[in-house]
Amino acid sequence: MPTPTQKKFQRSMNKIERQSSKRGSDKIYSYIQDRYISDYYDREPKARKRIKKLQTFKYMTIATITVFFFICFVFAPFNRFAAIPFTIMVSSVPLMVFGIIHPALAFMDGRSRFTVIWLYVLIFIVSFIVTGLSLGVDIPTAETVN
């Protein structure tokens, strides 16, 4: 003689089987996920969803940097070619932040966060120096001061 819990379970299983037969035989009901899935690996982890959202944010940031570069290149009051290393310098900062969050967001699949930080800091420093050199900043000497 089945207990009330077993009867309730049997009723719910019959209900799920009826719904399953209406949906098709390729999907099964997952009690853990509380929905129909095709197999155990059908579920997408929450972390992957966050990374996908950050991927779109990354591309929006890159598009903004590209527009900034174009504006800086066209309307530059200084040497136009200084806009190139200046834009690289400005773009290395958000890419380094994205790389700290997840290296794949900084176009560094399979790399460590330390490598991402090291590379983008190096890019920032080199582009900072090249920007300064391309602007032709004069360093005051003893002859020009007098």
Protein backbone atom coordinates (compact mmCIF):
# COMPACT_ATOMS: atom_id res chain seq x y z
CA MET A 1 0.00 0.00 0.00
CA PRO A 2 1.62 3.29 -1.09
CA THR A 3 1.96 6.15 1.37
CA PRO A 4 0.45 9.61 0.69
CA THR A 5 3.89 10.93 -0.27
CA GLN A 6 4.37 8.14 -2.79
CA LYS A 7 0.90 8.79 -4.25
CA LYS A 8 1.68 12.49 -4.59
CA PHE A 9 4.99 11.68 -6.25
CA GLN A 10 3.32 9.26 -8.67
CA ARG A 11 0.71 11.89 -9.60
CA SER A 12 3.37 14.51 -10.26
CA MET A 13 5.38 12.04 -12.33
CA ASN A 14 2.32 11.17 -14.41
CA LYS A 15 1.67 14.87 -14.97
CA ILE A 16 5.28 15.44 -16.06
CA GLU A 17 5.16 12.45 -18.41
CA ARG A 18 1.98 13.78 -20.02
CA GLN A 19 3.58 17.21 -20.51
CA SER A 20 6.73 15.56 -21.79
CA SER A 21 4.83 13.58 -24.38
CA LYS A 22 3.20 16.80 -25.62
CA ARG A 23 6.55 18.58 -25.92
CA GLY A 24 8.37 15.77 -27.69
CA SER A 25 10.54 12.91 -26.56
CA ASP A 26 13.86 14.76 -26.84
CA LYS A 27 13.35 16.84 -23.68
CA ILE A 28 13.23 15.68 -20.08
CA TYR A 29 12.21 17.49 -16.94
CA SER A 30 14.99 18.53 -14.57
CA TYR A 31 13.97 18.88 -10.94
CA ILE A 32 17.16 20.74 -10.15
CA GLN A 33 16.61 23.39 -12.81
CA ASP A 34 12.81 23.18 -12.61
CA ARG A 35 12.44 23.18 -16.40
CA TYR A 36 12.67 20.91 -19.44
CA ILE A 37 16.16 20.26 -20.77
CA SER A 38 17.51 18.13 -23.60
CA ASP A 39 20.38 16.70 -21.54
CA TYR A 40 22.35 17.31 -18.37
CA TYR A 41 24.68 19.83 -20.03
CA ASP A 42 21.83 21.93 -21.45
CA ARG A 43 22.14 24.43 -18.62
CA GLU A 44 24.24 27.52 -19.18
CA PRO A 45 26.18 28.57 -16.09
CA LYS A 46 25.47 31.99 -14.63
CA ALA A 47 29.13 32.96 -14.89
CA ARG A 48 29.05 32.36 -18.64
CA LYS A 49 26.00 34.63 -18.97
CA ARG A 50 27.86 37.38 -17.11
CA ILE A 51 30.88 36.96 -19.37
CA LYS A 52 28.63 37.26 -22.43
CA LYS A 53 27.17 40.48 -21.06
CA LEU A 54 30.68 41.78 -20.41
CA GLN A 55 31.65 40.79 -23.97
CA THR A 56 28.97 43.11 -25.35
CA PHE A 57 30.12 45.84 -22.96
CA LYS A 58 33.68 45.28 -24.18
CA TYR A 59 32.67 45.75 -27.80
CA MET A 60 30.69 48.87 -26.93
CA THR A 61 33.77 50.26 -25.16
CA ILE A 62 35.97 49.46 -28.15
CA ALA A 63 33.47 51.17 -30.46
CA THR A 64 33.54 54.24 -28.20
CA ILE A 65 37.35 54.26 -28.24
CA THR A 66 37.30 53.99 -32.04
CA VAL A 67 34.97 56.98 -32.30
CA PHE A 68 37.21 58.85 -29.85
CA PHE A 69 40.24 58.02 -32.03
CA PHE A 70 38.48 59.26 -35.15
CA ILE A 71 37.47 62.53 -33.50
CA CYS A 72 40.93 62.96 -32.00
CA PHE A 73 42.59 62.23 -35.35
CA VAL A 74 40.39 64.55 -37.41
CA PHE A 75 40.08 67.49 -35.02
CA ALA A 76 43.45 67.27 -33.28
CA PRO A 77 44.90 70.68 -32.39
CA PHE A 78 48.31 68.99 -32.20
CA ASN A 79 50.16 66.61 -34.46
CA ARG A 80 47.54 64.28 -35.99
CA PHE A 81 49.75 61.24 -35.79
CA ALA A 82 50.04 61.72 -32.05
CA ALA A 83 46.40 60.62 -31.91
CA ILE A 84 47.40 57.03 -32.72
CA PRO A 85 49.60 56.33 -29.67
CA PHE A 86 47.32 58.52 -27.54
CA THR A 87 44.32 56.35 -28.45
CA ILE A 88 46.32 53.19 -27.78
CA MET A 89 47.29 54.60 -24.40
CA VAL A 90 43.67 55.48 -23.55
CA SER A 91 42.33 52.11 -24.77
CA SER A 92 44.87 50.08 -22.77
CA VAL A 93 43.32 51.20 -19.46
CA PRO A 94 39.80 49.71 -19.94
CA LEU A 95 41.26 46.61 -21.61
CA MET A 96 43.49 46.09 -18.57
CA VAL A 97 40.43 46.38 -16.31
CA PHE A 98 38.55 43.86 -18.48
CA GLY A 99 41.60 41.59 -18.37
CA ILE A 100 41.62 41.69 -14.58
CA ILE A 101 37.96 40.62 -14.56
CA HIS A 102 38.52 37.83 -17.10
CA PRO A 103 41.50 37.50 -19.49
CA ALA A 104 39.25 36.50 -22.39
CA LEU A 105 37.61 39.93 -22.23
CA ALA A 106 40.96 41.56 -23.06
CA PHE A 107 41.58 39.39 -26.14
CA MET A 108 43.88 37.15 -24.10
CA ASP A 109 42.31 33.69 -24.16
CA GLY A 110 44.35 31.20 -22.18
CA ARG A 111 46.54 33.83 -20.53
CA SER A 112 46.82 34.66 -16.86
CA ARG A 113 45.68 37.91 -15.27
CA PHE A 114 49.29 38.74 -14.44
CA THR A 115 50.21 38.49 -18.13
CA VAL A 116 47.31 40.75 -19.06
CA ILE A 117 48.31 43.37 -16.49
CA TRP A 118 51.97 43.20 -17.49
CA LEU A 119 51.21 43.54 -21.20
CA TYR A 120 48.73 46.41 -20.94
CA VAL A 121 50.89 48.36 -18.49
CA LEU A 122 53.79 47.95 -20.93
CA ILE A 123 51.58 49.12 -23.81
CA PHE A 124 50.44 52.11 -21.73
CA ILE A 125 54.00 53.14 -20.87
CA VAL A 126 55.32 52.74 -24.42
CA SER A 127 52.39 54.62 -25.97
CA PHE A 128 52.78 57.37 -23.33
CA ILE A 129 56.42 57.82 -24.34
CA VAL A 130 55.62 57.73 -28.06
CA THR A 131 52.82 60.27 -27.57
CA GLY A 132 55.22 62.59 -25.79
CA LEU A 133 57.83 62.19 -28.51
CA SER A 134 55.34 62.74 -31.33
CA LEU A 135 54.03 65.92 -29.74
CA GLY A 136 57.55 67.32 -29.76
CA VAL A 137 57.58 68.44 -26.16
CA ASP A 138 60.59 70.66 -25.60
CA ILE A 139 62.48 70.09 -22.38
CA PRO A 140 63.88 73.37 -21.07
CA THR A 141 67.64 73.40 -20.96
CA ALA A 142 70.05 75.84 -19.34
CA GLU A 143 70.45 77.77 -22.59
CA THR A 144 66.70 78.29 -23.16
CA VAL A 145 66.07 79.36 -19.55
CA ASN A 146 68.53 82.30 -19.73
